[in-house]
């Protein structure tokens, strides 16, 4: 569970601990709360409703950025890329807004790099010239290969899957 971009009152409630109902539920894995500082706003948050409970959660594009922010220390880059491959229907205007508001250069570069390698059609509608991508290399892993366009040091550059039909 990643909590970010919440208003001060929501932050103060959630910064103490996870809610009891969440801890008492039987999950396949133990819920872990991560606080990020990727955004100053609630951009990309959506309401999730289940019966009488409504939760503020990250929408798809924001959740992807939050996963990338945790990579590679807490979230595998290979898994993040596989998730990105499945994001065929992101809304370019929302992606644009999130990229412009995101405070992490590493996260923005990884997001764009993975989206480009996944060959997503929506990416051509995103104006990357208005996104601050910083300058200089970003070392994601040591002893990696440098991607030229986004200057990311990765284990090996991710490549789109090649369909082989026999």
Protein backbone atom coordinates (compact mmCIF):
# COMPACT_ATOMS: atom_id res chain seq x y z
CA UNK A 1 0.00 0.00 0.00
CA UNK A 2 1.47 3.32 -1.04
CA UNK A 3 0.13 6.52 0.44
CA UNK A 4 1.15 9.78 -1.18
CA UNK A 5 -0.25 13.12 -2.20
CA UNK A 6 -2.82 13.22 0.58
CA UNK A 7 -4.07 16.33 2.32
CA UNK A 8 -2.51 17.14 5.71
CA UNK A 9 -5.37 15.68 7.74
CA UNK A 10 -5.22 12.44 5.75
CA UNK A 11 -1.43 12.34 6.18
CA UNK A 12 -1.66 12.77 9.93
CA UNK A 13 -4.15 9.92 10.24
CA UNK A 14 -2.22 7.51 8.03
CA UNK A 15 1.27 8.48 9.17
CA UNK A 16 0.64 6.97 12.59
CA UNK A 17 -0.22 3.40 11.54
CA UNK A 18 -2.32 1.28 9.26
CA UNK A 19 -6.03 1.18 10.15
CA UNK A 20 -7.06 -1.72 12.40
CA UNK A 21 -9.58 -3.10 9.89
CA UNK A 22 -6.79 -3.32 7.33
CA UNK A 23 -4.42 -5.06 9.72
CA UNK A 24 -7.10 -7.49 10.96
CA UNK A 25 -8.11 -8.66 7.50
CA UNK A 26 -6.58 -11.88 6.19
CA UNK A 27 -4.35 -10.99 3.25
CA UNK A 28 -2.13 -13.19 1.12
CA UNK A 29 0.74 -10.92 2.15
CA UNK A 30 1.32 -8.49 4.98
CA UNK A 31 0.30 -4.94 4.00
CA UNK A 32 3.21 -2.52 4.05
CA UNK A 33 2.76 1.23 4.14
CA UNK A 34 5.19 3.34 2.10
CA UNK A 35 5.22 7.11 2.18
CA UNK A 36 6.46 8.82 -0.96
CA UNK A 37 7.01 12.45 -1.79
CA UNK A 38 6.51 12.15 -5.54
CA UNK A 39 3.64 14.63 -5.70
CA UNK A 40 2.48 17.68 -3.75
CA UNK A 41 -1.07 17.30 -5.03
CA UNK A 42 -3.77 14.66 -5.18
CA UNK A 43 -3.28 14.31 -8.95
CA UNK A 44 -3.93 10.79 -10.13
CA UNK A 45 -5.81 9.70 -7.00
CA UNK A 46 -9.20 8.08 -7.47
CA UNK A 47 -12.00 6.97 -5.18
CA UNK A 48 -12.38 3.23 -4.71
CA UNK A 49 -15.70 2.22 -3.27
CA UNK A 50 -16.66 -1.14 -1.79
CA UNK A 51 -20.06 -1.20 -0.16
CA UNK A 52 -20.00 1.49 2.55
CA UNK A 53 -16.24 2.08 2.46
CA UNK A 54 -14.64 4.62 0.14
CA UNK A 55 -10.86 4.79 -0.09
CA UNK A 56 -8.64 7.25 -1.91
CA UNK A 57 -6.21 5.16 -3.98
CA UNK A 58 -3.73 5.78 -6.76
CA UNK A 59 -5.03 5.56 -10.30
CA UNK A 60 -3.19 3.34 -12.77
CA UNK A 61 -0.62 5.86 -14.05
CA UNK A 62 0.19 7.20 -10.59
CA UNK A 63 0.47 3.67 -9.17
CA UNK A 64 2.94 2.83 -11.94
CA UNK A 65 5.03 5.87 -11.02
CA UNK A 66 4.93 4.86 -7.36
CA UNK A 67 6.18 1.37 -8.27
CA UNK A 68 9.01 2.90 -10.28
CA UNK A 69 9.91 5.17 -7.37
CA UNK A 70 10.37 2.05 -5.24
CA UNK A 71 12.51 0.34 -7.90
CA UNK A 72 14.88 -1.40 -7.75
CA UNK A 73 15.25 -1.43 -3.94
CA UNK A 74 11.71 -2.55 -3.06
CA UNK A 75 10.15 -3.37 -6.43
CA UNK A 76 11.88 -5.36 -9.19
CA UNK A 77 12.53 -3.42 -12.40
CA UNK A 78 11.60 -6.47 -14.48
CA UNK A 79 8.22 -6.64 -12.76
CA UNK A 80 7.73 -2.90 -13.21
CA UNK A 81 8.42 -3.26 -16.93
CA UNK A 82 5.93 -6.13 -17.21
CA UNK A 83 3.31 -3.95 -15.54
CA UNK A 84 4.09 -1.10 -17.94
CA UNK A 85 3.65 -3.45 -20.91
CA UNK A 86 0.03 -3.96 -19.86
CA UNK A 87 -0.83 -0.26 -19.62
CA UNK A 88 -2.18 0.14 -23.15
CA UNK A 89 -5.09 2.39 -22.23
CA UNK A 90 -3.55 5.18 -20.16
CA UNK A 91 -4.96 8.65 -20.81
CA UNK A 92 -2.22 10.87 -22.27
CA UNK A 93 -3.55 14.04 -20.60
CA UNK A 94 -3.40 12.38 -17.18
CA UNK A 95 0.08 10.98 -17.87
CA UNK A 96 1.15 14.48 -18.96
CA UNK A 97 -0.16 16.04 -15.74
CA UNK A 98 1.50 13.43 -13.55
CA UNK A 99 4.85 13.67 -15.34
CA UNK A 100 4.80 17.46 -14.99
CA UNK A 101 3.96 17.26 -11.27
CA UNK A 102 6.21 14.34 -10.32
CA UNK A 103 9.22 15.47 -8.28
CA UNK A 104 11.44 12.45 -9.01
CA UNK A 105 13.66 12.69 -12.09
CA UNK A 106 14.47 8.97 -11.82
CA UNK A 107 10.78 8.03 -11.76
CA UNK A 108 9.89 10.21 -14.74
CA UNK A 109 12.77 8.89 -16.83
CA UNK A 110 12.00 5.25 -15.98
CA UNK A 111 8.31 5.80 -16.76
CA UNK A 112 9.07 7.29 -20.18
CA UNK A 113 11.78 4.74 -20.95
CA UNK A 114 9.54 1.78 -20.14
CA UNK A 115 6.57 3.31 -22.00
CA UNK A 116 8.77 3.85 -25.05
CA UNK A 117 10.18 0.31 -24.93
CA UNK A 118 6.65 -1.08 -24.55
CA UNK A 119 5.75 0.92 -27.68
CA UNK A 120 2.59 2.41 -26.19
CA UNK A 121 0.48 4.39 -28.67
CA UNK A 122 -0.58 6.94 -26.02
CA UNK A 123 3.03 8.08 -25.56
CA UNK A 124 3.01 10.02 -28.85
CA UNK A 125 0.38 12.34 -27.33
CA UNK A 126 2.57 13.18 -24.31
CA UNK A 127 4.66 16.34 -24.70
CA UNK A 128 7.92 15.38 -23.02
CA UNK A 129 9.45 18.78 -23.79
CA UNK A 130 7.34 20.26 -20.97
CA UNK A 131 8.52 17.60 -18.49
CA UNK A 132 11.58 18.38 -16.37
CA UNK A 133 13.85 15.38 -16.87
CA UNK A 134 16.82 16.98 -15.14
CA UNK A 135 20.36 16.50 -16.36
CA UNK A 136 23.08 13.94 -15.87
CA UNK A 137 22.99 10.20 -15.43
CA UNK A 138 20.73 8.37 -13.01
CA UNK A 139 22.32 5.24 -11.60
CA UNK A 140 19.57 2.70 -11.09
CA UNK A 141 21.97 -0.25 -10.73
CA UNK A 142 25.74 -0.30 -10.43
CA UNK A 143 27.79 -1.74 -13.28
CA UNK A 144 24.87 -1.41 -15.67
CA UNK A 145 24.48 -0.33 -19.27
CA UNK A 146 23.66 3.31 -20.00
CA UNK A 147 20.52 4.07 -21.99
CA UNK A 148 21.39 6.93 -24.29
CA UNK A 149 18.13 8.93 -24.47
CA UNK A 150 17.16 8.91 -20.80
CA UNK A 151 20.66 8.43 -19.33
CA UNK A 152 19.64 5.61 -17.02
CA UNK A 153 22.17 3.06 -15.85
CA UNK A 154 20.26 -0.26 -15.96
CA UNK A 155 21.30 -3.92 -15.87
CA UNK A 156 20.39 -4.38 -19.52
CA UNK A 157 18.11 -2.14 -21.52
CA UNK A 158 14.59 -3.59 -21.60
CA UNK A 159 13.49 -4.58 -25.06
CA UNK A 160 10.00 -5.16 -26.38
CA UNK A 161 9.00 -8.80 -26.49
CA UNK A 162 9.38 -10.42 -29.88
CA UNK A 163 6.59 -12.73 -30.92
CA UNK A 164 7.89 -15.93 -32.39
CA UNK A 165 5.29 -18.11 -34.04
CA UNK A 166 6.25 -21.61 -35.06
